[in-house]
Amino acid sequence: MQLRRALGLAGSNSGATYRLVHGEGDGLPGLVIDIYGPTAVVQAHSVGMHLVRHTVARVLADVMGKALTSIYYKSETTLPFKADLGQENEFLMGSPADDVAIENGLRFHIDWLRGQKTGFFVDQRDNRALLESYARGRAVLNMFCYTGGFSVYAMRGGARLVHSVDSSAKAVDMCRDNVEMNFPGDNRHTAFAEDAFRFLQQTETGTYDLIILDPPAFAKHKDALRNALKGYTRLNARAFERIAPGGVLFTFSCSQAVNKEQFRLAVFTAAAQSRRNVRILHQLHQPADHPVNIYHPEGEYLKGLVLYVE
């Protein structure tokens, strides 16, 4: 908690969205706790943390005090399958509340009951804010948009149009809802339920001058590494081929099995294949509320590059 207070996330900023516990990075392997205003979402990735979940909830309630009204336990899909624990998602304290959380002054519906991870990708908070500073006057394409975090920031940044794409129709609906909640009646935004590779293939070259590629993990274990790197190369090559001259590409990997050097090589290979001159503007990573234990380098899972494409 002291680290999050020092970062200006906890305490006086009671409506904030942030990660309170980041597994090994906070000395609690197998435990993730995200805070969405008055709701905490707890996720266990080990049998041990699952067995002490009620103790974790009691300590969490004591630490957070009146700032917390509900604790939701969401571990059905994160615990080892062979453990056969019969786990179910449930409220350990309180009951369903308002599903709207605030991040940097923007409002988002958080599906902590059925959404991916704990319901929102908290780890992209700082990178979304950086994107906002690049958006003014640009035509933006947000691939793998999920609930539209990057899209909403681009809208506030003054983008002239924003297109959001995800293969999940449910995610696209929530993306539309989040844009409408922050920018009611704004016709700059359109969302598409479409396969990412197909959408890029059908896109006319030069349509967009700011593209975000934030795909789900292509490699969840080392056995899938080779195919994952091919996937990153293919995806980025499509974006390089389509982006307008002078465009900016935000590209990410959240695959823990892919390190920074491997991801960069995949992106550079894509640039060479597309015959575009590319310069690095920023090298991105997860925010400070997702700390990395120096003895657990695998905790540095989020890699990103901001590229200027000539």
C-alpha atoms as a PDB file:
ATOM      1  CA  MET A   1       0.000   0.000   0.000  1.00  0.00           C
ATOM      2  CA  GLN A   2       2.861   2.425   0.762  1.00  0.00           C
ATOM      3  CA  LEU A   3       4.195   2.101  -2.787  1.00  0.00           C
ATOM      4  CA  ARG A   4       0.769   2.854  -4.282  1.00  0.00           C
ATOM      5  CA  ARG A   5       0.379   5.880  -1.999  1.00  0.00           C
ATOM      6  CA  ALA A   6       3.814   7.111  -3.088  1.00  0.00           C
ATOM      7  CA  LEU A   7       2.678   6.768  -6.709  1.00  0.00           C
ATOM      8  CA  GLY A   8      -0.400   8.897  -5.971  1.00  0.00           C
ATOM      9  CA  LEU A   9      -2.789   6.056  -6.731  1.00  0.00           C
ATOM     10  CA  ALA A  10      -4.074   5.024  -3.299  1.00  0.00           C
ATOM     11  CA  GLY A  11      -5.333   7.092  -0.401  1.00  0.00           C
ATOM     12  CA  SER A  12      -6.610  10.525  -1.361  1.00  0.00           C
ATOM     13  CA  ASN A  13      -7.284   9.414  -4.943  1.00  0.00           C
ATOM     14  CA  SER A  14     -10.015   7.070  -3.717  1.00  0.00           C
ATOM     15  CA  GLY A  15     -11.736   6.632  -7.081  1.00  0.00           C
ATOM     16  CA  ALA A  16      -8.609   5.459  -8.868  1.00  0.00           C
ATOM     17  CA  THR A  17      -8.100   2.291 -10.856  1.00  0.00           C
ATOM     18  CA  TYR A  18      -4.797   0.576 -10.096  1.00  0.00           C
ATOM     19  CA  ARG A  19      -3.064  -2.688  -9.159  1.00  0.00           C
ATOM     20  CA  LEU A  20      -2.577  -3.111  -5.428  1.00  0.00           C
ATOM     21  CA  VAL A  21      -0.812  -6.501  -5.497  1.00  0.00           C
ATOM     22  CA  HIS A  22       1.256  -7.739  -8.429  1.00  0.00           C
ATOM     23  CA  GLY A  23       2.316 -11.272  -7.508  1.00  0.00           C
ATOM     24  CA  GLU A  24       6.064 -11.802  -7.285  1.00  0.00           C
ATOM     25  CA  GLY A  25       6.657  -8.087  -7.780  1.00  0.00           C
ATOM     26  CA  ASP A  26       5.081  -7.441  -4.382  1.00  0.00           C
ATOM     27  CA  GLY A  27       6.432 -10.545  -2.658  1.00  0.00           C
ATOM     28  CA  LEU A  28       3.109 -12.396  -2.952  1.00  0.00           C
ATOM     29  CA  PRO A  29       3.552 -14.990  -5.724  1.00  0.00           C
ATOM     30  CA  GLY A  30       0.319 -16.165  -7.257  1.00  0.00           C
ATOM     31  CA  LEU A  31      -1.797 -13.225  -6.060  1.00  0.00           C
ATOM     32  CA  VAL A  32      -3.195 -10.299  -8.062  1.00  0.00           C
ATOM     33  CA  ILE A  33      -5.453  -7.588  -6.630  1.00  0.00           C
ATOM     34  CA  ASP A  34      -6.832  -4.775  -8.779  1.00  0.00           C
ATOM     35  CA  ILE A  35      -8.727  -1.832  -7.319  1.00  0.00           C
ATOM     36  CA  TYR A  36     -11.638  -0.283  -9.213  1.00  0.00           C
ATOM     37  CA  GLY A  37     -12.787   2.524  -6.957  1.00  0.00           C
ATOM     38  CA  PRO A  38     -14.748   0.852  -4.121  1.00  0.00           C
ATOM     39  CA  THR A  39     -14.395  -2.661  -5.594  1.00  0.00           C
ATOM     40  CA  ALA A  40     -11.371  -4.955  -5.339  1.00  0.00           C
ATOM     41  CA  VAL A  41     -10.962  -7.900  -7.692  1.00  0.00           C
ATOM     42  CA  VAL A  42      -8.786 -10.699  -6.291  1.00  0.00           C
ATOM     43  CA  GLN A  43      -7.250 -13.323  -8.550  1.00  0.00           C
ATOM     44  CA  ALA A  44      -5.290 -16.396  -7.463  1.00  0.00           C
ATOM     45  CA  HIS A  45      -2.796 -18.130  -9.753  1.00  0.00           C
ATOM     46  CA  SER A  46      -1.676 -20.785  -7.271  1.00  0.00           C
ATOM     47  CA  VAL A  47      -3.406 -23.359  -5.098  1.00  0.00           C
ATOM     48  CA  GLY A  48      -1.887 -21.840  -1.953  1.00  0.00           C
ATOM     49  CA  MET A  49      -3.345 -18.408  -2.610  1.00  0.00           C
ATOM     50  CA  HIS A  50      -6.714 -19.975  -3.389  1.00  0.00           C
ATOM     51  CA  LEU A  51      -6.769 -21.751  -0.044  1.00  0.00           C
ATOM     52  CA  VAL A  52      -6.107 -18.522   1.895  1.00  0.00           C
ATOM     53  CA  ARG A  53      -8.472 -16.330  -0.166  1.00  0.00           C
ATOM     54  CA  HIS A  54     -10.740 -15.559   2.814  1.00  0.00           C
ATOM     55  CA  THR A  55      -7.747 -14.469   4.886  1.00  0.00           C
ATOM     56  CA  VAL A  56      -6.598 -12.281   1.998  1.00  0.00           C
ATOM     57  CA  ALA A  57     -10.062 -10.709   1.845  1.00  0.00           C
ATOM     58  CA  ARG A  58     -10.098  -9.959   5.588  1.00  0.00           C
ATOM     59  CA  VAL A  59      -6.650  -8.341   5.467  1.00  0.00           C
ATOM     60  CA  LEU A  60      -7.611  -6.381   2.354  1.00  0.00           C
ATOM     61  CA  ALA A  61     -10.757  -5.055   4.039  1.00  0.00           C
ATOM     62  CA  ASP A  62      -8.718  -3.986   7.077  1.00  0.00           C
ATOM     63  CA  VAL A  63      -6.082  -2.222   4.966  1.00  0.00           C
ATOM     64  CA  MET A  64      -8.520  -0.416   2.687  1.00  0.00           C
ATOM     65  CA  GLY A  65     -11.093   0.481   5.345  1.00  0.00           C
ATOM     66  CA  LYS A  66     -14.134   2.439   4.246  1.00  0.00           C
ATOM     67  CA  ALA A  67     -12.698   3.010   0.778  1.00  0.00           C
ATOM     68  CA  LEU A  68     -13.659  -0.582  -0.088  1.00  0.00           C
ATOM     69  CA  THR A  69     -17.252  -1.832  -0.220  1.00  0.00           C
ATOM     70  CA  SER A  70     -16.910  -5.120  -2.127  1.00  0.00           C
ATOM     71  CA  ILE A  71     -14.322  -7.810  -2.890  1.00  0.00           C
ATOM     72  CA  TYR A  72     -14.828 -10.097  -5.877  1.00  0.00           C
ATOM     73  CA  TYR A  73     -12.848 -13.334  -6.197  1.00  0.00           C
ATOM     74  CA  LYS A  74     -12.219 -14.191  -9.887  1.00  0.00           C
ATOM     75  CA  SER A  75     -10.061 -17.295 -10.272  1.00  0.00           C
ATOM     76  CA  GLU A  76     -12.090 -19.881 -12.181  1.00  0.00           C
ATOM     77  CA  THR A  77      -9.765 -19.691 -15.191  1.00  0.00           C
ATOM     78  CA  THR A  78      -6.414 -18.879 -13.552  1.00  0.00           C
ATOM     79  CA  LEU A  79      -5.878 -21.815 -11.166  1.00  0.00           C
ATOM     80  CA  PRO A  80      -4.191 -25.047 -12.302  1.00  0.00           C
ATOM     81  CA  PHE A  81      -6.797 -27.176 -14.050  1.00  0.00           C
ATOM     82  CA  LYS A  82      -5.435 -30.434 -12.654  1.00  0.00           C
ATOM     83  CA  ALA A  83      -5.784 -29.169  -9.080  1.00  0.00           C
ATOM     84  CA  ASP A  84      -9.528 -29.907  -9.392  1.00  0.00           C
ATOM     85  CA  LEU A  85     -10.464 -27.372  -6.707  1.00  0.00           C
ATOM     86  CA  GLY A  86     -14.009 -26.821  -7.909  1.00  0.00           C
ATOM     87  CA  GLN A  87     -13.419 -23.080  -7.571  1.00  0.00           C
ATOM     88  CA  GLU A  88     -16.145 -20.590  -8.425  1.00  0.00           C
ATOM     89  CA  ASN A  89     -16.053 -16.850  -8.863  1.00  0.00           C
ATOM     90  CA  GLU A  90     -17.824 -15.149  -5.965  1.00  0.00           C
ATOM     91  CA  PHE A  91     -18.066 -12.061  -3.813  1.00  0.00           C
ATOM     92  CA  LEU A  92     -16.023 -12.476  -0.637  1.00  0.00           C
ATOM     93  CA  MET A  93     -17.380  -9.190   0.684  1.00  0.00           C
ATOM     94  CA  GLY A  94     -20.277  -7.007  -0.390  1.00  0.00           C
ATOM     95  CA  SER A  95     -22.305  -7.513  -3.549  1.00  0.00           C
ATOM     96  CA  PRO A  96     -22.439  -6.311  -7.171  1.00  0.00           C
ATOM     97  CA  ALA A  97     -22.060  -2.540  -7.311  1.00  0.00           C
ATOM     98  CA  ASP A  98     -21.726   0.156  -9.962  1.00  0.00           C
ATOM     99  CA  ASP A  99     -19.429  -1.274 -12.630  1.00  0.00           C
ATOM    100  CA  VAL A 100     -17.996   2.107 -13.639  1.00  0.00           C
ATOM    101  CA  ALA A 101     -14.397   2.906 -12.707  1.00  0.00           C
ATOM    102  CA  ILE A 102     -12.331   6.039 -13.325  1.00  0.00           C
ATOM    103  CA  GLU A 103      -8.890   6.184 -14.931  1.00  0.00           C
ATOM    104  CA  ASN A 104      -7.192   9.548 -15.450  1.00  0.00           C
ATOM    105  CA  GLY A 105     -10.586  11.239 -15.412  1.00  0.00           C
ATOM    106  CA  LEU A 106     -12.152   8.905 -17.988  1.00  0.00           C
ATOM    107  CA  ARG A 107     -14.949   6.480 -17.129  1.00  0.00           C
ATOM    108  CA  PHE A 108     -15.056   2.814 -18.072  1.00  0.00           C
ATOM    109  CA  HIS A 109     -17.480  -0.043 -17.547  1.00  0.00           C
ATOM    110  CA  ILE A 110     -15.528  -2.877 -15.895  1.00  0.00           C
ATOM    111  CA  ASP A 111     -16.788  -6.420 -16.461  1.00  0.00           C
ATOM    112  CA  TRP A 112     -15.151  -8.017 -13.426  1.00  0.00           C
ATOM    113  CA  LEU A 113     -17.732 -10.799 -13.438  1.00  0.00           C
ATOM    114  CA  ARG A 114     -16.942 -12.212 -16.907  1.00  0.00           C
ATOM    115  CA  GLY A 115     -14.276 -10.001 -18.492  1.00  0.00           C
ATOM    116  CA  GLN A 116     -10.667 -10.865 -19.292  1.00  0.00           C
ATOM    117  CA  LYS A 117      -8.107 -10.760 -16.475  1.00  0.00           C
ATOM    118  CA  THR A 118      -9.777  -8.799 -13.668  1.00  0.00           C
ATOM    119  CA  GLY A 119     -12.098  -7.027 -16.108  1.00  0.00           C
ATOM    120  CA  PHE A 120      -9.815  -4.310 -17.484  1.00  0.00           C
ATOM    121  CA  PHE A 121      -6.208  -3.996 -18.636  1.00  0.00           C
ATOM    122  CA  VAL A 122      -4.886  -1.827 -15.817  1.00  0.00           C
ATOM    123  CA  ASP A 123      -1.322  -2.316 -17.051  1.00  0.00           C
ATOM    124  CA  GLN A 124      -1.836  -0.059 -20.093  1.00  0.00           C
ATOM    125  CA  ARG A 125      -2.835   3.042 -18.078  1.00  0.00           C
ATOM    126  CA  ASP A 126       0.370   5.048 -18.715  1.00  0.00           C
ATOM    127  CA  ASN A 127       0.613   3.906 -22.329  1.00  0.00           C
ATOM    128  CA  ARG A 128      -2.968   5.009 -22.995  1.00  0.00           C
ATOM    129  CA  ALA A 129      -2.090   8.437 -21.620  1.00  0.00           C
ATOM    130  CA  LEU A 130       0.930   8.619 -23.945  1.00  0.00           C
ATOM    131  CA  LEU A 131      -1.246   7.683 -26.913  1.00  0.00           C
ATOM    132  CA  GLU A 132      -3.575  10.556 -26.078  1.00  0.00           C
ATOM    133  CA  SER A 133      -0.713  13.008 -26.661  1.00  0.00           C
ATOM    134  CA  TYR A 134      -0.228  11.667 -30.216  1.00  0.00           C
ATOM    135  CA  ALA A 135      -3.872  11.523 -31.260  1.00  0.00           C
ATOM    136  CA  ARG A 136      -4.747  15.112 -32.220  1.00  0.00           C
ATOM    137  CA  GLY A 137      -5.924  15.364 -35.817  1.00  0.00           C
ATOM    138  CA  ARG A 138      -5.074  11.743 -36.590  1.00  0.00           C
ATOM    139  CA  ALA A 139      -7.111   8.867 -38.008  1.00  0.00           C
ATOM    140  CA  VAL A 140      -6.746   6.134 -35.388  1.00  0.00           C
ATOM    141  CA  LEU A 141      -7.131   2.365 -35.702  1.00  0.00           C
ATOM    142  CA  ASN A 142      -7.307   0.468 -32.411  1.00  0.00           C
ATOM    143  CA  MET A 143      -6.822  -3.237 -33.108  1.00  0.00           C
ATOM    144  CA  PHE A 144      -7.787  -5.836 -30.474  1.00  0.00           C
ATOM    145  CA  CYS A 145      -9.653  -2.980 -28.795  1.00  0.00           C
ATOM    146  CA  TYR A 146     -11.322  -5.080 -26.060  1.00  0.00           C
ATOM    147  CA  THR A 147     -13.333  -2.505 -24.057  1.00  0.00           C
ATOM    148  CA  GLY A 148     -11.888   0.475 -25.904  1.00  0.00           C
ATOM    149  CA  GLY A 149      -9.344   1.937 -23.499  1.00  0.00           C
ATOM    150  CA  PHE A 150      -7.016   3.292 -26.189  1.00  0.00           C
ATOM    151  CA  SER A 151     -10.001   4.441 -28.256  1.00  0.00           C
ATOM    152  CA  VAL A 152     -11.431   6.577 -25.453  1.00  0.00           C
ATOM    153  CA  TYR A 153      -8.055   8.222 -24.789  1.00  0.00           C
ATOM    154  CA  ALA A 154      -7.611   8.894 -28.513  1.00  0.00           C
ATOM    155  CA  MET A 155     -11.021  10.580 -28.590  1.00  0.00           C
ATOM    156  CA  ARG A 156     -10.056  12.857 -25.705  1.00  0.00           C
ATOM    157  CA  GLY A 157      -6.743  13.558 -27.428  1.00  0.00           C
ATOM    158  CA  GLY A 158      -8.561  15.080 -30.396  1.00  0.00           C
ATOM    159  CA  ALA A 159      -8.406  12.310 -33.000  1.00  0.00           C
ATOM    160  CA  ARG A 160     -10.432  13.165 -36.108  1.00  0.00           C
ATOM    161  CA  LEU A 161     -11.707   9.580 -36.331  1.00  0.00           C
ATOM    162  CA  VAL A 162     -11.269   6.396 -34.296  1.00  0.00           C
ATOM    163  CA  HIS A 163     -12.008   2.882 -35.509  1.00  0.00           C
ATOM    164  CA  SER A 164     -12.031   0.060 -32.933  1.00  0.00           C
ATOM    165  CA  VAL A 165     -11.706  -3.591 -33.978  1.00  0.00           C
ATOM    166  CA  ASP A 166     -12.112  -6.805 -31.981  1.00  0.00           C
ATOM    167  CA  SER A 167     -13.181 -10.330 -32.882  1.00  0.00           C
ATOM    168  CA  SER A 168     -15.513 -10.392 -29.851  1.00  0.00           C
ATOM    169  CA  ALA A 169     -18.898  -8.795 -30.481  1.00  0.00           C
ATOM    170  CA  LYS A 170     -19.380  -8.481 -26.725  1.00  0.00           C
ATOM    171  CA  ALA A 171     -16.128  -6.536 -26.377  1.00  0.00           C
ATOM    172  CA  VAL A 172     -17.107  -4.283 -29.274  1.00  0.00           C
ATOM    173  CA  ASP A 173     -20.452  -3.530 -27.599  1.00  0.00           C
ATOM    174  CA  MET A 174     -18.710  -2.549 -24.369  1.00  0.00           C
ATOM    175  CA  CYS A 175     -16.225  -0.442 -26.338  1.00  0.00           C
ATOM    176  CA  ARG A 176     -19.127   1.449 -27.900  1.00  0.00           C
ATOM    177  CA  ASP A 177     -20.699   1.913 -24.463  1.00  0.00           C
ATOM    178  CA  ASN A 178     -17.446   3.304 -23.017  1.00  0.00           C
ATOM    179  CA  VAL A 179     -17.022   5.775 -25.869  1.00  0.00           C
ATOM    180  CA  GLU A 180     -20.658   6.863 -25.564  1.00  0.00           C
ATOM    181  CA  MET A 181     -20.357   7.278 -21.782  1.00  0.00           C
ATOM    182  CA  ASN A 182     -17.397   9.656 -22.184  1.00  0.00           C
ATOM    183  CA  PHE A 183     -18.355  11.305 -25.495  1.00  0.00           C
ATOM    184  CA  PRO A 184     -22.134  11.067 -25.924  1.00  0.00           C
ATOM    185  CA  GLY A 185     -23.327  11.499 -29.485  1.00  0.00           C
ATOM    186  CA  ASP A 186     -19.785  11.850 -30.878  1.00  0.00           C
ATOM    187  CA  ASN A 187     -19.762  10.429 -34.426  1.00  0.00           C
ATOM    188  CA  ARG A 188     -15.964  10.210 -34.749  1.00  0.00           C
ATOM    189  CA  HIS A 189     -15.994   6.624 -33.439  1.00  0.00           C
ATOM    190  CA  THR A 190     -16.978   3.391 -35.202  1.00  0.00           C
ATOM    191  CA  ALA A 191     -16.467  -0.152 -33.858  1.00  0.00           C
ATOM    192  CA  PHE A 192     -16.194  -3.387 -35.854  1.00  0.00           C
ATOM    193  CA  ALA A 193     -16.548  -7.006 -34.739  1.00  0.00           C
ATOM    194  CA  GLU A 194     -13.990  -8.440 -37.135  1.00  0.00           C
ATOM    195  CA  ASP A 195     -10.859 -10.596 -37.272  1.00  0.00           C
ATOM    196  CA  ALA A 196      -7.797  -8.358 -36.949  1.00  0.00           C
ATOM    197  CA  PHE A 197      -5.739  -9.859 -39.759  1.00  0.00           C
ATOM    198  CA  ARG A 198      -8.706  -9.821 -42.137  1.00  0.00           C
ATOM    199  CA  PHE A 199      -9.536  -6.213 -41.263  1.00  0.00           C
ATOM    200  CA  LEU A 200      -5.964  -5.063 -41.906  1.00  0.00           C
ATOM    201  CA  GLN A 201      -5.822  -7.026 -45.153  1.00  0.00           C
ATOM    202  CA  GLN A 202      -8.961  -5.275 -46.404  1.00  0.00           C
ATOM    203  CA  THR A 203      -7.903  -1.791 -45.244  1.00  0.00           C
ATOM    204  CA  GLU A 204      -6.842   0.646 -47.949  1.00  0.00           C
ATOM    205  CA  THR A 205      -3.242   1.800 -47.569  1.00  0.00           C
ATOM    206  CA  GLY A 206      -2.962   5.221 -45.942  1.00  0.00           C
ATOM    207  CA  THR A 207      -6.381   5.191 -44.276  1.00  0.00           C
ATOM    208  CA  TYR A 208      -4.862   5.472 -40.784  1.00  0.00           C
ATOM    209  CA  ASP A 209      -1.902   7.441 -39.488  1.00  0.00           C
ATOM    210  CA  LEU A 210      -2.014   6.115 -35.916  1.00  0.00           C
ATOM    211  CA  ILE A 211      -2.411   2.378 -35.306  1.00  0.00           C
ATOM    212  CA  ILE A 212      -2.489   0.462 -32.003  1.00  0.00           C
ATOM    213  CA  LEU A 213      -1.655  -3.256 -31.968  1.00  0.00           C
ATOM    214  CA  ASP A 214      -2.359  -4.696 -28.516  1.00  0.00           C
ATOM    215  CA  PRO A 215      -3.105  -8.387 -29.147  1.00  0.00           C
ATOM    216  CA  PRO A 216      -3.719 -11.065 -26.520  1.00  0.00           C
ATOM    217  CA  ALA A 217      -0.715 -13.180 -25.568  1.00  0.00           C
ATOM    218  CA  PHE A 218       0.488 -15.103 -28.615  1.00  0.00           C
ATOM    219  CA  ALA A 219       2.678 -17.333 -26.394  1.00  0.00           C
ATOM    220  CA  LYS A 220       1.542 -18.398 -22.935  1.00  0.00           C
ATOM    221  CA  HIS A 221       4.439 -20.873 -22.611  1.00  0.00           C
ATOM    222  CA  LYS A 222       7.854 -21.361 -24.219  1.00  0.00           C
ATOM    223  CA  ASP A 223       6.658 -24.213 -26.444  1.00  0.00           C
ATOM    224  CA  ALA A 224       4.591 -21.682 -28.390  1.00  0.00           C
ATOM    225  CA  LEU A 225       7.417 -19.145 -28.746  1.00  0.00           C
ATOM    226  CA  ARG A 226       8.337 -19.812 -32.371  1.00  0.00           C
ATOM    227  CA  ASN A 227       4.783 -19.507 -33.660  1.00  0.00           C
ATOM    228  CA  ALA A 228       4.198 -16.443 -31.479  1.00  0.00           C
ATOM    229  CA  LEU A 229       7.158 -14.597 -32.985  1.00  0.00           C
ATOM    230  CA  LYS A 230       5.887 -15.435 -36.473  1.00  0.00           C
ATOM    231  CA  GLY A 231       2.500 -14.062 -35.453  1.00  0.00           C
ATOM    232  CA  TYR A 232       3.974 -10.784 -34.180  1.00  0.00           C
ATOM    233  CA  THR A 233       5.995 -10.407 -37.382  1.00  0.00           C
ATOM    234  CA  ARG A 234       2.982 -11.043 -39.588  1.00  0.00           C
ATOM    235  CA  LEU A 235       0.710  -8.692 -37.647  1.00  0.00           C
ATOM    236  CA  ASN A 236       3.196  -5.822 -37.575  1.00  0.00           C
ATOM    237  CA  ALA A 237       4.054  -6.289 -41.253  1.00  0.00           C
ATOM    238  CA  ARG A 238       0.368  -5.822 -42.113  1.00  0.00           C
ATOM    239  CA  ALA A 239       0.274  -2.612 -40.073  1.00  0.00           C
ATOM    240  CA  PHE A 240       3.475  -1.272 -41.659  1.00  0.00           C
ATOM    241  CA  GLU A 241       2.059  -1.982 -45.118  1.00  0.00           C
ATOM    242  CA  ARG A 242      -1.176  -0.104 -44.406  1.00  0.00           C
ATOM    243  CA  ILE A 243      -0.149   2.866 -42.228  1.00  0.00           C
ATOM    244  CA  ALA A 244       0.141   6.278 -43.895  1.00  0.00           C
ATOM    245  CA  PRO A 245       3.578   7.898 -44.362  1.00  0.00           C
ATOM    246  CA  GLY A 246       4.436   9.853 -41.232  1.00  0.00           C
ATOM    247  CA  GLY A 247       2.223   7.551 -39.202  1.00  0.00           C
ATOM    248  CA  VAL A 248       2.796   6.378 -35.636  1.00  0.00           C
ATOM    249  CA  LEU A 249       2.481   2.738 -34.578  1.00  0.00           C
ATOM    250  CA  PHE A 250       1.950   1.658 -30.963  1.00  0.00           C
ATOM    251  CA  THR A 251       2.743  -2.077 -30.884  1.00  0.00           C
ATOM    252  CA  PHE A 252       2.726  -4.398 -27.856  1.00  0.00           C
ATOM    253  CA  SER A 253       3.355  -7.911 -26.622  1.00  0.00           C
ATOM    254  CA  CYS A 254       1.992  -9.151 -23.304  1.00  0.00           C
ATOM    255  CA  SER A 255       3.447 -12.654 -23.767  1.00  0.00           C
ATOM    256  CA  GLN A 256       5.630 -13.483 -20.764  1.00  0.00           C
ATOM    257  CA  ALA A 257       7.511 -16.105 -22.815  1.00  0.00           C
ATOM    258  CA  VAL A 258       8.609 -13.425 -25.332  1.00  0.00           C
ATOM    259  CA  ASN A 259      11.395 -11.163 -24.078  1.00  0.00           C
ATOM    260  CA  LYS A 260      12.072  -7.589 -25.183  1.00  0.00           C
ATOM    261  CA  GLU A 261      14.817  -8.499 -27.633  1.00  0.00           C
ATOM    262  CA  GLN A 262      12.731 -11.200 -29.319  1.00  0.00           C
ATOM    263  CA  PHE A 263       9.744  -8.898 -29.672  1.00  0.00           C
ATOM    264  CA  ARG A 264      11.866  -6.085 -31.065  1.00  0.00           C
ATOM    265  CA  LEU A 265      13.453  -8.459 -33.601  1.00  0.00           C
ATOM    266  CA  ALA A 266       9.995  -9.609 -34.730  1.00  0.00           C
ATOM    267  CA  VAL A 267       8.888  -5.995 -35.236  1.00  0.00           C
ATOM    268  CA  PHE A 268      12.113  -5.048 -37.018  1.00  0.00           C
ATOM    269  CA  THR A 269      11.737  -8.062 -39.314  1.00  0.00           C
ATOM    270  CA  ALA A 270       8.226  -6.870 -40.135  1.00  0.00           C
ATOM    271  CA  ALA A 271       9.544  -3.405 -40.982  1.00  0.00           C
ATOM    272  CA  ALA A 272      12.168  -4.897 -43.295  1.00  0.00           C
ATOM    273  CA  GLN A 273       9.600  -7.112 -45.009  1.00  0.00           C
ATOM    274  CA  SER A 274       7.336  -4.136 -45.657  1.00  0.00           C
ATOM    275  CA  ARG A 275      10.281  -1.977 -46.793  1.00  0.00           C
ATOM    276  CA  ARG A 276       9.371   0.922 -44.535  1.00  0.00           C
ATOM    277  CA  ASN A 277      11.864   3.158 -42.749  1.00  0.00           C
ATOM    278  CA  VAL A 278      11.018   3.071 -39.042  1.00  0.00           C
ATOM    279  CA  ARG A 279      12.331   4.986 -36.030  1.00  0.00           C
ATOM    280  CA  ILE A 280      11.765   4.220 -32.346  1.00  0.00           C
ATOM    281  CA  LEU A 281      10.139   7.068 -30.410  1.00  0.00           C
ATOM    282  CA  HIS A 282       9.436   5.260 -27.128  1.00  0.00           C
ATOM    283  CA  GLN A 283      10.102   1.882 -25.529  1.00  0.00           C
ATOM    284  CA  LEU A 284       7.134   0.978 -23.330  1.00  0.00           C
ATOM    285  CA  HIS A 285       6.473  -1.307 -20.388  1.00  0.00           C
ATOM    286  CA  GLN A 286       4.015  -1.905 -17.571  1.00  0.00           C
ATOM    287  CA  PRO A 287       3.415   0.917 -15.041  1.00  0.00           C
ATOM    288  CA  ALA A 288       4.972   1.259 -11.600  1.00  0.00           C
ATOM    289  CA  ASP A 289       2.032  -0.379  -9.814  1.00  0.00           C
ATOM    290  CA  HIS A 290       3.094  -3.572 -11.660  1.00  0.00           C
ATOM    291  CA  PRO A 291       6.611  -3.768 -10.137  1.00  0.00           C
ATOM    292  CA  VAL A 292       9.158  -6.373 -11.219  1.00  0.00           C
ATOM    293  CA  ASN A 293      11.095  -8.344  -8.624  1.00  0.00           C
ATOM    294  CA  ILE A 294      14.764  -8.176  -9.624  1.00  0.00           C
ATOM    295  CA  TYR A 295      15.006 -11.939  -9.002  1.00  0.00           C
ATOM    296  CA  HIS A 296      11.924 -12.661 -11.145  1.00  0.00           C
ATOM    297  CA  PRO A 297      12.625 -11.006 -14.516  1.00  0.00           C
ATOM    298  CA  GLU A 298       9.698 -12.907 -16.054  1.00  0.00           C
ATOM    299  CA  GLY A 299       7.474 -10.402 -14.257  1.00  0.00           C
ATOM    300  CA  GLU A 300       8.412  -7.850 -16.919  1.00  0.00           C
ATOM    301  CA  TYR A 301       5.811  -9.245 -19.284  1.00  0.00           C
ATOM    302  CA  LEU A 302       4.517  -6.138 -21.099  1.00  0.00           C
ATOM    303  CA  LYS A 303       6.692  -4.863 -23.929  1.00  0.00           C
ATOM    304  CA  GLY A 304       5.863  -2.040 -26.299  1.00  0.00           C
ATOM    305  CA  LEU A 305       7.314   0.219 -28.962  1.00  0.00           C
ATOM    306  CA  VAL A 306       6.116   3.516 -30.362  1.00  0.00           C
ATOM    307  CA  LEU A 307       7.389   3.796 -33.930  1.00  0.00           C
ATOM    308  CA  TYR A 308       7.471   6.590 -36.499  1.00  0.00           C
ATOM    309  CA  VAL A 309       6.897   5.129 -39.956  1.00  0.00           C
ATOM    310  CA  GLU A 310       8.240   7.149 -42.882  1.00  0.00           C
END
